[in-house]
Amino acid sequence: MPGVLFDRIINVNLVGDNQIIAAFTGEFINVFQLFLVCEHDVTIKFKEAEPDIDLTKNIFLNRSIPFILPYTSVPWFQTTKSARFEINLDKAVQVSGRIYYSQNT
C-alpha cells in the first residue's frame, strides 16, 4: 500500500521527452494511477530519465479514446532512485491528464 499519494496535472505538447515528475534525490517515483486524453492521434511511451530507460514500448493514443491506468495497490511504474518520470511524444500534440504517484526511499 502506498504512503502519501501526490497528484499532478499532465499538460504536454512537445515532440520527444516531456518531464511529468521531477527527480527526487535518493527516492523512487511510484505511479499508481494515470489518465490521459490527446487532441490528435499520437504515439507515446513512458520513460525515466538519467538513466534514460523506456518503461514501455510505443503506445498509440487515439484522440477519441481516453487512456486510463486505473488505481492499483501495486504501482504501474517505479523509476530507479533519483530518476524523473517522463512521457515521450512522437509528434507535437496536446496531451492532458492527471497522474497519482508516491515517492519513497
PDB file of N, CA and C in Angstrom:
ATOM      1  N   MET A   1       0.846  -1.187   0.000  1.00  0.00           N
ATOM      2  CA  MET A   1       0.000   0.000   0.000  1.00  0.00           C
ATOM      3  C   MET A   1       0.883   1.238   0.000  1.00  0.00           C
ATOM      4  N   PRO A   2       0.600   2.204  -0.866  1.00  0.00           N
ATOM      5  CA  PRO A   2       1.448   3.397  -0.923  1.00  0.00           C
ATOM      6  C   PRO A   2       1.268   4.265   0.316  1.00  0.00           C
ATOM      7  N   GLY A   3       2.277   5.083   0.574  1.00  0.00           N
ATOM      8  CA  GLY A   3       2.149   6.082   1.626  1.00  0.00           C
ATOM      9  C   GLY A   3       1.271   7.211   1.114  1.00  0.00           C
ATOM     10  N   VAL A   4       1.763   8.407   1.198  1.00  0.00           N
ATOM     11  CA  VAL A   4       1.033   9.579   0.727  1.00  0.00           C
ATOM     12  C   VAL A   4       1.036   9.591  -0.803  1.00  0.00           C
ATOM     13  N   LEU A   5      -0.145   9.738  -1.393  1.00  0.00           N
ATOM     14  CA  LEU A   5      -0.252   9.875  -2.848  1.00  0.00           C
ATOM     15  C   LEU A   5      -0.293  11.354  -3.207  1.00  0.00           C
ATOM     16  N   PHE A   6       0.516  11.718  -4.184  1.00  0.00           N
ATOM     17  CA  PHE A   6       0.510  13.063  -4.723  1.00  0.00           C
ATOM     18  C   PHE A   6      -0.182  12.995  -6.081  1.00  0.00           C
ATOM     19  N   ASP A   7      -0.702  14.118  -6.529  1.00  0.00           N
ATOM     20  CA  ASP A   7      -1.262  14.151  -7.873  1.00  0.00           C
ATOM     21  C   ASP A   7      -0.729  15.366  -8.597  1.00  0.00           C
ATOM     22  N   ARG A   8      -0.698  15.253  -9.895  1.00  0.00           N
ATOM     23  CA  ARG A   8      -0.166  16.317 -10.724  1.00  0.00           C
ATOM     24  C   ARG A   8      -0.940  16.333 -12.031  1.00  0.00           C
ATOM     25  N   ILE A   9      -1.205  17.524 -12.523  1.00  0.00           N
ATOM     26  CA  ILE A   9      -1.834  17.682 -13.830  1.00  0.00           C
ATOM     27  C   ILE A   9      -0.787  17.420 -14.910  1.00  0.00           C
ATOM     28  N   ILE A  10      -1.184  16.714 -15.947  1.00  0.00           N
ATOM     29  CA  ILE A  10      -0.320  16.478 -17.101  1.00  0.00           C
ATOM     30  C   ILE A  10      -0.767  17.418 -18.209  1.00  0.00           C
ATOM     31  N   ASN A  11       0.175  18.176 -18.745  1.00  0.00           N
ATOM     32  CA  ASN A  11      -0.112  19.150 -19.792  1.00  0.00           C
ATOM     33  C   ASN A  11       1.142  19.273 -20.654  1.00  0.00           C
ATOM     34  N   VAL A  12       1.271  18.412 -21.674  1.00  0.00           N
ATOM     35  CA  VAL A  12       2.475  18.391 -22.509  1.00  0.00           C
ATOM     36  C   VAL A  12       2.088  18.460 -23.984  1.00  0.00           C
ATOM     37  N   ASN A  13       3.037  18.931 -24.798  1.00  0.00           N
ATOM     38  CA  ASN A  13       2.754  19.018 -26.232  1.00  0.00           C
ATOM     39  C   ASN A  13       4.010  19.085 -27.094  1.00  0.00           C
ATOM     40  N   LEU A  14       5.166  18.719 -26.556  1.00  0.00           N
ATOM     41  CA  LEU A  14       6.416  18.805 -27.305  1.00  0.00           C
ATOM     42  C   LEU A  14       6.845  17.445 -27.833  1.00  0.00           C
ATOM     43  N   VAL A  15       7.411  17.427 -29.031  1.00  0.00           N
ATOM     44  CA  VAL A  15       7.989  16.197 -29.577  1.00  0.00           C
ATOM     45  C   VAL A  15       9.135  15.779 -28.666  1.00  0.00           C
ATOM     46  N   GLY A  16       9.223  14.483 -28.393  1.00  0.00           N
ATOM     47  CA  GLY A  16      10.311  13.973 -27.566  1.00  0.00           C
ATOM     48  C   GLY A  16       9.897  13.842 -26.109  1.00  0.00           C
ATOM     49  N   ASP A  17      10.891  13.912 -25.217  1.00  0.00           N
ATOM     50  CA  ASP A  17      10.670  13.673 -23.788  1.00  0.00           C
ATOM     51  C   ASP A  17      10.071  14.896 -23.103  1.00  0.00           C
ATOM     52  N   ASN A  18       9.009  14.667 -22.341  1.00  0.00           N
ATOM     53  CA  ASN A  18       8.339  15.701 -21.566  1.00  0.00           C
ATOM     54  C   ASN A  18       8.344  15.285 -20.103  1.00  0.00           C
ATOM     55  N   GLN A  19       8.979  16.086 -19.254  1.00  0.00           N
ATOM     56  CA  GLN A  19       9.033  15.760 -17.833  1.00  0.00           C
ATOM     57  C   GLN A  19       7.650  15.869 -17.209  1.00  0.00           C
ATOM     58  N   ILE A  20       7.261  14.828 -16.470  1.00  0.00           N
ATOM     59  CA  ILE A  20       5.983  14.824 -15.763  1.00  0.00           C
ATOM     60  C   ILE A  20       6.216  14.988 -14.261  1.00  0.00           C
ATOM     61  N   ILE A  21       7.182  14.231 -13.727  1.00  0.00           N
ATOM     62  CA  ILE A  21       7.521  14.316 -12.303  1.00  0.00           C
ATOM     63  C   ILE A  21       9.027  14.481 -12.191  1.00  0.00           C
ATOM     64  N   ALA A  22       9.446  15.523 -11.506  1.00  0.00           N
ATOM     65  CA  ALA A  22      10.876  15.786 -11.316  1.00  0.00           C
ATOM     66  C   ALA A  22      11.502  14.702 -10.455  1.00  0.00           C
ATOM     67  N   ALA A  23      12.803  14.515 -10.615  1.00  0.00           N
ATOM     68  CA  ALA A  23      13.542  13.535  -9.819  1.00  0.00           C
ATOM     69  C   ALA A  23      13.643  14.018  -8.369  1.00  0.00           C
ATOM     70  N   PHE A  24      13.627  13.075  -7.452  1.00  0.00           N
ATOM     71  CA  PHE A  24      13.831  13.343  -6.041  1.00  0.00           C
ATOM     72  C   PHE A  24      15.076  12.578  -5.623  1.00  0.00           C
ATOM     73  N   THR A  25      16.091  13.268  -5.153  1.00  0.00           N
ATOM     74  CA  THR A  25      17.370  12.642  -4.830  1.00  0.00           C
ATOM     75  C   THR A  25      17.179  11.473  -3.871  1.00  0.00           C
ATOM     76  N   GLY A  26      17.648  10.302  -4.299  1.00  0.00           N
ATOM     77  CA  GLY A  26      17.614   9.109  -3.453  1.00  0.00           C
ATOM     78  C   GLY A  26      16.243   8.472  -3.302  1.00  0.00           C
ATOM     79  N   GLU A  27      15.259   8.909  -4.092  1.00  0.00           N
ATOM     80  CA  GLU A  27      13.904   8.368  -3.958  1.00  0.00           C
ATOM     81  C   GLU A  27      13.399   7.786  -5.275  1.00  0.00           C
ATOM     82  N   PHE A  28      12.545   6.769  -5.152  1.00  0.00           N
ATOM     83  CA  PHE A  28      11.839   6.188  -6.275  1.00  0.00           C
ATOM     84  C   PHE A  28      10.556   6.983  -6.513  1.00  0.00           C
ATOM     85  N   ILE A  29      10.086   7.007  -7.742  1.00  0.00           N
ATOM     86  CA  ILE A  29       8.748   7.509  -8.070  1.00  0.00           C
ATOM     87  C   ILE A  29       7.908   6.296  -8.423  1.00  0.00           C
ATOM     88  N   ASN A  30       6.762   6.147  -7.764  1.00  0.00           N
ATOM     89  CA  ASN A  30       5.839   5.033  -7.996  1.00  0.00           C
ATOM     90  C   ASN A  30       4.538   5.590  -8.569  1.00  0.00           C
ATOM     91  N   VAL A  31       4.187   5.173  -9.777  1.00  0.00           N
ATOM     92  CA  VAL A  31       2.966   5.655 -10.439  1.00  0.00           C
ATOM     93  C   VAL A  31       1.846   4.651 -10.179  1.00  0.00           C
ATOM     94  N   PHE A  32       0.769   5.116  -9.530  1.00  0.00           N
ATOM     95  CA  PHE A  32      -0.345   4.249  -9.158  1.00  0.00           C
ATOM     96  C   PHE A  32      -1.589   4.434 -10.016  1.00  0.00           C
ATOM     97  N   GLN A  33      -1.724   5.586 -10.651  1.00  0.00           N
ATOM     98  CA  GLN A  33      -2.913   5.833 -11.468  1.00  0.00           C
ATOM     99  C   GLN A  33      -2.583   6.927 -12.469  1.00  0.00           C
ATOM    100  N   LEU A  34      -3.205   6.844 -13.656  1.00  0.00           N
ATOM    101  CA  LEU A  34      -2.918   7.821 -14.694  1.00  0.00           C
ATOM    102  C   LEU A  34      -4.101   7.902 -15.646  1.00  0.00           C
ATOM    103  N   PHE A  35      -4.366   9.106 -16.125  1.00  0.00           N
ATOM    104  CA  PHE A  35      -5.440   9.353 -17.083  1.00  0.00           C
ATOM    105  C   PHE A  35      -4.901  10.313 -18.134  1.00  0.00           C
ATOM    106  N   LEU A  36      -5.062   9.993 -19.405  1.00  0.00           N
ATOM    107  CA  LEU A  36      -4.601  10.865 -20.496  1.00  0.00           C
ATOM    108  C   LEU A  36      -5.663  10.996 -21.580  1.00  0.00           C
ATOM    109  N   VAL A  37      -5.733  12.177 -22.171  1.00  0.00           N
ATOM    110  CA  VAL A  37      -6.503  12.408 -23.389  1.00  0.00           C
ATOM    111  C   VAL A  37      -5.605  13.215 -24.321  1.00  0.00           C
ATOM    112  N   CYS A  38      -5.831  13.065 -25.636  1.00  0.00           N
ATOM    113  CA  CYS A  38      -4.987  13.790 -26.587  1.00  0.00           C
ATOM    114  C   CYS A  38      -5.864  14.501 -27.614  1.00  0.00           C
ATOM    115  N   GLU A  39      -5.320  15.600 -28.110  1.00  0.00           N
ATOM    116  CA  GLU A  39      -6.039  16.432 -29.071  1.00  0.00           C
ATOM    117  C   GLU A  39      -6.098  15.777 -30.457  1.00  0.00           C
ATOM    118  N   HIS A  40      -5.037  15.056 -30.825  1.00  0.00           N
ATOM    119  CA  HIS A  40      -4.943  14.334 -32.098  1.00  0.00           C
ATOM    120  C   HIS A  40      -4.280  12.995 -31.813  1.00  0.00           C
ATOM    121  N   ASP A  41      -4.373  12.059 -32.741  1.00  0.00           N
ATOM    122  CA  ASP A  41      -3.702  10.770 -32.569  1.00  0.00           C
ATOM    123  C   ASP A  41      -2.202  10.991 -32.361  1.00  0.00           C
ATOM    124  N   VAL A  42      -1.623  10.218 -31.450  1.00  0.00           N
ATOM    125  CA  VAL A  42      -0.200  10.355 -31.140  1.00  0.00           C
ATOM    126  C   VAL A  42       0.311   9.031 -30.567  1.00  0.00           C
ATOM    127  N   THR A  43       1.587   8.777 -30.745  1.00  0.00           N
ATOM    128  CA  THR A  43       2.231   7.621 -30.142  1.00  0.00           C
ATOM    129  C   THR A  43       3.093   8.118 -28.985  1.00  0.00           C
ATOM    130  N   ILE A  44       2.941   7.476 -27.834  1.00  0.00           N
ATOM    131  CA  ILE A  44       3.694   7.874 -26.641  1.00  0.00           C
ATOM    132  C   ILE A  44       4.454   6.673 -26.091  1.00  0.00           C
ATOM    133  N   LYS A  45       5.377   6.935 -25.194  1.00  0.00           N
ATOM    134  CA  LYS A  45       5.928   5.901 -24.339  1.00  0.00           C
ATOM    135  C   LYS A  45       6.309   6.551 -23.023  1.00  0.00           C
ATOM    136  N   PHE A  46       6.207   5.779 -21.963  1.00  0.00           N
ATOM    137  CA  PHE A  46       6.579   6.241 -20.636  1.00  0.00           C
ATOM    138  C   PHE A  46       8.051   5.931 -20.428  1.00  0.00           C
ATOM    139  N   LYS A  47       8.767   6.881 -19.828  1.00  0.00           N
ATOM    140  CA  LYS A  47      10.214   6.758 -19.668  1.00  0.00           C
ATOM    141  C   LYS A  47      10.647   7.261 -18.299  1.00  0.00           C
ATOM    142  N   GLU A  48      11.869   6.916 -17.948  1.00  0.00           N
ATOM    143  CA  GLU A  48      12.539   7.584 -16.849  1.00  0.00           C
ATOM    144  C   GLU A  48      13.813   8.178 -17.425  1.00  0.00           C
ATOM    145  N   ALA A  49      14.292   9.231 -16.809  1.00  0.00           N
ATOM    146  CA  ALA A  49      15.479   9.897 -17.324  1.00  0.00           C
ATOM    147  C   ALA A  49      16.592   9.839 -16.290  1.00  0.00           C
ATOM    148  N   GLU A  50      17.788   9.686 -16.813  1.00  0.00           N
ATOM    149  CA  GLU A  50      19.016   9.636 -16.013  1.00  0.00           C
ATOM    150  C   GLU A  50      18.949   8.551 -14.959  1.00  0.00           C
ATOM    151  N   PRO A  51      19.029   7.297 -15.331  1.00  0.00           N
ATOM    152  CA  PRO A  51      19.367   6.824 -16.679  1.00  0.00           C
ATOM    153  C   PRO A  51      18.162   6.885 -17.613  1.00  0.00           C
ATOM    154  N   ASP A  52      18.439   6.972 -18.903  1.00  0.00           N
ATOM    155  CA  ASP A  52      17.392   7.065 -19.924  1.00  0.00           C
ATOM    156  C   ASP A  52      16.882   5.659 -20.227  1.00  0.00           C
ATOM    157  N   ILE A  53      15.713   5.315 -19.674  1.00  0.00           N
ATOM    158  CA  ILE A  53      15.164   3.966 -19.804  1.00  0.00           C
ATOM    159  C   ILE A  53      13.707   4.057 -20.244  1.00  0.00           C
ATOM    160  N   ASP A  54      13.349   3.294 -21.273  1.00  0.00           N
ATOM    161  CA  ASP A  54      11.947   3.175 -21.673  1.00  0.00           C
ATOM    162  C   ASP A  54      11.240   2.259 -20.683  1.00  0.00           C
ATOM    163  N   LEU A  55      10.147   2.730 -20.096  1.00  0.00           N
ATOM    164  CA  LEU A  55       9.349   1.913 -19.190  1.00  0.00           C
ATOM    165  C   LEU A  55       8.277   1.129 -19.941  1.00  0.00           C
ATOM    166  N   THR A  56       7.943   1.591 -21.158  1.00  0.00           N
ATOM    167  CA  THR A  56       7.000   0.877 -22.023  1.00  0.00           C
ATOM    168  C   THR A  56       7.510   0.946 -23.452  1.00  0.00           C
ATOM    169  N   LYS A  57       6.930   0.132 -24.287  1.00  0.00           N
ATOM    170  CA  LYS A  57       7.122   0.267 -25.727  1.00  0.00           C
ATOM    171  C   LYS A  57       6.158   1.354 -26.198  1.00  0.00           C
ATOM    172  N   ASN A  58       6.093   1.599 -27.479  1.00  0.00           N
ATOM    173  CA  ASN A  58       5.192   2.616 -28.022  1.00  0.00           C
ATOM    174  C   ASN A  58       3.732   2.257 -27.751  1.00  0.00           C
ATOM    175  N   ILE A  59       2.959   3.275 -27.373  1.00  0.00           N
ATOM    176  CA  ILE A  59       1.527   3.130 -27.124  1.00  0.00           C
ATOM    177  C   ILE A  59       0.814   4.146 -28.010  1.00  0.00           C
ATOM    178  N   PHE A  60      -0.113   3.674 -28.850  1.00  0.00           N
ATOM    179  CA  PHE A  60      -0.855   4.572 -29.722  1.00  0.00           C
ATOM    180  C   PHE A  60      -2.065   5.120 -28.971  1.00  0.00           C
ATOM    181  N   LEU A  61      -2.187   6.438 -28.915  1.00  0.00           N
ATOM    182  CA  LEU A  61      -3.355   7.082 -28.312  1.00  0.00           C
ATOM    183  C   LEU A  61      -4.231   7.633 -29.424  1.00  0.00           C
ATOM    184  N   ASN A  62      -5.488   7.266 -29.382  1.00  0.00           N
ATOM    185  CA  ASN A  62      -6.481   7.753 -30.328  1.00  0.00           C
ATOM    186  C   ASN A  62      -7.157   8.968 -29.706  1.00  0.00           C
ATOM    187  N   ARG A  63      -7.321  10.018 -30.449  1.00  0.00           N
ATOM    188  CA  ARG A  63      -7.870  11.265 -29.891  1.00  0.00           C
ATOM    189  C   ARG A  63      -9.272  11.107 -29.313  1.00  0.00           C
ATOM    190  N   SER A  64      -9.986  10.096 -29.720  1.00  0.00           N
ATOM    191  CA  SER A  64     -11.359   9.945 -29.242  1.00  0.00           C
ATOM    192  C   SER A  64     -11.493   8.950 -28.083  1.00  0.00           C
ATOM    193  N   ILE A  65     -10.364   8.367 -27.642  1.00  0.00           N
ATOM    194  CA  ILE A  65     -10.421   7.348 -26.588  1.00  0.00           C
ATOM    195  C   ILE A  65      -9.466   7.711 -25.454  1.00  0.00           C
ATOM    196  N   PRO A  66      -9.958   7.950 -24.246  1.00  0.00           N
ATOM    197  CA  PRO A  66      -9.066   8.240 -23.110  1.00  0.00           C
ATOM    198  C   PRO A  66      -8.174   7.033 -22.806  1.00  0.00           C
ATOM    199  N   PHE A  67      -6.958   7.316 -22.343  1.00  0.00           N
ATOM    200  CA  PHE A  67      -6.029   6.278 -21.904  1.00  0.00           C
ATOM    201  C   PHE A  67      -6.040   6.289 -20.380  1.00  0.00           C
ATOM    202  N   ILE A  68      -6.381   5.150 -19.770  1.00  0.00           N
ATOM    203  CA  ILE A  68      -6.533   5.094 -18.320  1.00  0.00           C
ATOM    204  C   ILE A  68      -5.747   3.920 -17.758  1.00  0.00           C
ATOM    205  N   LEU A  69      -4.917   4.208 -16.747  1.00  0.00           N
ATOM    206  CA  LEU A  69      -4.325   3.172 -15.906  1.00  0.00           C
ATOM    207  C   LEU A  69      -5.019   3.311 -14.563  1.00  0.00           C
ATOM    208  N   PRO A  70      -5.957   2.416 -14.239  1.00  0.00           N
ATOM    209  CA  PRO A  70      -6.737   2.569 -13.014  1.00  0.00           C
ATOM    210  C   PRO A  70      -5.868   2.363 -11.773  1.00  0.00           C
ATOM    211  N   TYR A  71      -6.361   2.871 -10.649  1.00  0.00           N
ATOM    212  CA  TYR A  71      -5.620   2.736  -9.395  1.00  0.00           C
ATOM    213  C   TYR A  71      -5.426   1.264  -9.041  1.00  0.00           C
ATOM    214  N   THR A  72      -4.216   0.940  -8.651  1.00  0.00           N
ATOM    215  CA  THR A  72      -3.900  -0.382  -8.116  1.00  0.00           C
ATOM    216  C   THR A  72      -3.004  -0.185  -6.905  1.00  0.00           C
ATOM    217  N   SER A  73      -2.968  -1.162  -6.024  1.00  0.00           N
ATOM    218  CA  SER A  73      -2.106  -1.055  -4.838  1.00  0.00           C
ATOM    219  C   SER A  73      -0.650  -1.359  -5.174  1.00  0.00           C
ATOM    220  N   VAL A  74      -0.411  -1.897  -6.351  1.00  0.00           N
ATOM    221  CA  VAL A  74       0.950  -2.132  -6.844  1.00  0.00           C
ATOM    222  C   VAL A  74       1.188  -1.121  -7.957  1.00  0.00           C
ATOM    223  N   PRO A  75       2.296  -0.379  -7.931  1.00  0.00           N
ATOM    224  CA  PRO A  75       2.488   0.664  -8.945  1.00  0.00           C
ATOM    225  C   PRO A  75       2.598   0.110 -10.362  1.00  0.00           C
ATOM    226  N   TRP A  76       2.072   0.872 -11.300  1.00  0.00           N
ATOM    227  CA  TRP A  76       2.220   0.545 -12.716  1.00  0.00           C
ATOM    228  C   TRP A  76       3.681   0.707 -13.118  1.00  0.00           C
ATOM    229  N   PHE A  77       4.333   1.754 -12.579  1.00  0.00           N
ATOM    230  CA  PHE A  77       5.731   2.036 -12.880  1.00  0.00           C
ATOM    231  C   PHE A  77       6.449   2.406 -11.596  1.00  0.00           C
ATOM    232  N   GLN A  78       7.729   2.050 -11.526  1.00  0.00           N
ATOM    233  CA  GLN A  78       8.605   2.542 -10.475  1.00  0.00           C
ATOM    234  C   GLN A  78       9.921   2.919 -11.142  1.00  0.00           C
ATOM    235  N   THR A  79      10.347   4.167 -10.954  1.00  0.00           N
ATOM    236  CA  THR A  79      11.614   4.595 -11.521  1.00  0.00           C
ATOM    237  C   THR A  79      12.762   4.080 -10.654  1.00  0.00           C
ATOM    238  N   THR A  80      13.963   4.146 -11.185  1.00  0.00           N
ATOM    239  CA  THR A  80      15.128   3.910 -10.352  1.00  0.00           C
ATOM    240  C   THR A  80      15.306   5.119  -9.446  1.00  0.00           C
ATOM    241  N   LYS A  81      16.135   4.987  -8.419  1.00  0.00           N
ATOM    242  CA  LYS A  81      16.342   6.111  -7.498  1.00  0.00           C
ATOM    243  C   LYS A  81      16.856   7.332  -8.245  1.00  0.00           C
ATOM    244  N   SER A  82      16.343   8.483  -7.865  1.00  0.00           N
ATOM    245  CA  SER A  82      16.786   9.789  -8.366  1.00  0.00           C
ATOM    246  C   SER A  82      16.531   9.997  -9.863  1.00  0.00           C
ATOM    247  N   ALA A  83      15.566   9.284 -10.450  1.00  0.00           N
ATOM    248  CA  ALA A  83      15.236   9.461 -11.872  1.00  0.00           C
ATOM    249  C   ALA A  83      13.900  10.173 -12.003  1.00  0.00           C
ATOM    250  N   ARG A  84      13.769  10.988 -13.028  1.00  0.00           N
ATOM    251  CA  ARG A  84      12.485  11.667 -13.244  1.00  0.00           C
ATOM    252  C   ARG A  84      11.604  10.813 -14.172  1.00  0.00           C
ATOM    253  N   PHE A  85      10.291  11.037 -14.099  1.00  0.00           N
ATOM    254  CA  PHE A  85       9.309  10.312 -14.904  1.00  0.00           C
ATOM    255  C   PHE A  85       8.905  11.190 -16.071  1.00  0.00           C
ATOM    256  N   GLU A  86       8.901  10.618 -17.285  1.00  0.00           N
ATOM    257  CA  GLU A  86       8.628  11.381 -18.494  1.00  0.00           C
ATOM    258  C   GLU A  86       7.628  10.667 -19.400  1.00  0.00           C
ATOM    259  N   ILE A  87       7.009  11.450 -20.276  1.00  0.00           N
ATOM    260  CA  ILE A  87       6.227  10.904 -21.382  1.00  0.00           C
ATOM    261  C   ILE A  87       6.866  11.401 -22.664  1.00  0.00           C
ATOM    262  N   ASN A  88       7.151  10.487 -23.569  1.00  0.00           N
ATOM    263  CA  ASN A  88       7.744  10.814 -24.856  1.00  0.00           C
ATOM    264  C   ASN A  88       6.634  10.827 -25.906  1.00  0.00           C
ATOM    265  N   LEU A  89       6.575  11.908 -26.696  1.00  0.00           N
ATOM    266  CA  LEU A  89       5.590  12.048 -27.774  1.00  0.00           C
ATOM    267  C   LEU A  89       6.295  11.962 -29.116  1.00  0.00           C
ATOM    268  N   ASP A  90       5.686  11.279 -30.073  1.00  0.00           N
ATOM    269  CA  ASP A  90       6.299  11.170 -31.405  1.00  0.00           C
ATOM    270  C   ASP A  90       6.015  12.389 -32.283  1.00  0.00           C
ATOM    271  N   LYS A  91       5.074  13.247 -31.869  1.00  0.00           N
ATOM    272  CA  LYS A  91       4.805  14.487 -32.603  1.00  0.00           C
ATOM    273  C   LYS A  91       4.215  15.510 -31.645  1.00  0.00           C
ATOM    274  N   ALA A  92       4.184  16.758 -32.076  1.00  0.00           N
ATOM    275  CA  ALA A  92       3.703  17.856 -31.232  1.00  0.00           C
ATOM    276  C   ALA A  92       2.177  17.842 -31.180  1.00  0.00           C
ATOM    277  N   VAL A  93       1.653  17.178 -30.165  1.00  0.00           N
ATOM    278  CA  VAL A  93       0.212  17.048 -29.961  1.00  0.00           C
ATOM    279  C   VAL A  93      -0.076  17.334 -28.492  1.00  0.00           C
ATOM    280  N   GLN A  94      -1.162  18.041 -28.223  1.00  0.00           N
ATOM    281  CA  GLN A  94      -1.534  18.310 -26.835  1.00  0.00           C
ATOM    282  C   GLN A  94      -1.997  17.023 -26.162  1.00  0.00           C
ATOM    283  N   VAL A  95      -1.343  16.674 -25.057  1.00  0.00           N
ATOM    284  CA  VAL A  95      -1.721  15.522 -24.239  1.00  0.00           C
ATOM    285  C   VAL A  95      -1.949  16.051 -22.823  1.00  0.00           C
ATOM    286  N   SER A  96      -3.122  15.771 -22.274  1.00  0.00           N
ATOM    287  CA  SER A  96      -3.501  16.277 -20.958  1.00  0.00           C
ATOM    288  C   SER A  96      -4.008  15.139 -20.090  1.00  0.00           C
ATOM    289  N   GLY A  97      -3.975  15.355 -18.795  1.00  0.00           N
ATOM    290  CA  GLY A  97      -4.495  14.346 -17.890  1.00  0.00           C
ATOM    291  C   GLY A  97      -4.079  14.601 -16.458  1.00  0.00           C
ATOM    292  N   ARG A  98      -4.007  13.518 -15.693  1.00  0.00           N
ATOM    293  CA  ARG A  98      -3.623  13.594 -14.278  1.00  0.00           C
ATOM    294  C   ARG A  98      -2.908  12.312 -13.913  1.00  0.00           C
ATOM    295  N   ILE A  99      -1.938  12.437 -13.008  1.00  0.00           N
ATOM    296  CA  ILE A  99      -1.167  11.296 -12.538  1.00  0.00           C
ATOM    297  C   ILE A  99      -1.173  11.296 -11.013  1.00  0.00           C
ATOM    298  N   TYR A 100      -1.233  10.098 -10.438  1.00  0.00           N
ATOM    299  CA  TYR A 100      -1.179   9.918  -8.987  1.00  0.00           C
ATOM    300  C   TYR A 100       0.030   9.051  -8.676  1.00  0.00           C
ATOM    301  N   TYR A 101       0.877   9.520  -7.773  1.00  0.00           N
ATOM    302  CA  TYR A 101       2.158   8.857  -7.519  1.00  0.00           C
ATOM    303  C   TYR A 101       2.587   9.039  -6.068  1.00  0.00           C
ATOM    304  N   SER A 102       3.569   8.235  -5.671  1.00  0.00           N
ATOM    305  CA  SER A 102       4.200   8.398  -4.365  1.00  0.00           C
ATOM    306  C   SER A 102       5.701   8.428  -4.564  1.00  0.00           C
ATOM    307  N   GLN A 103       6.404   8.858  -3.530  1.00  0.00           N
ATOM    308  CA  GLN A 103       7.859   8.868  -3.507  1.00  0.00           C
ATOM    309  C   GLN A 103       8.292   8.064  -2.286  1.00  0.00           C
ATOM    310  N   ASN A 104       9.352   7.286  -2.436  1.00  0.00           N
ATOM    311  CA  ASN A 104       9.880   6.574  -1.283  1.00  0.00           C
ATOM    312  C   ASN A 104      11.350   6.245  -1.490  1.00  0.00           C
ATOM    313  N   THR A 105      12.045   5.972  -0.415  1.00  0.00           N
ATOM    314  CA  THR A 105      13.474   5.632  -0.482  1.00  0.00           C
ATOM    315  C   THR A 105      13.682   4.164  -0.526  1.00  0.00           C
TER     316      THR A 105
END
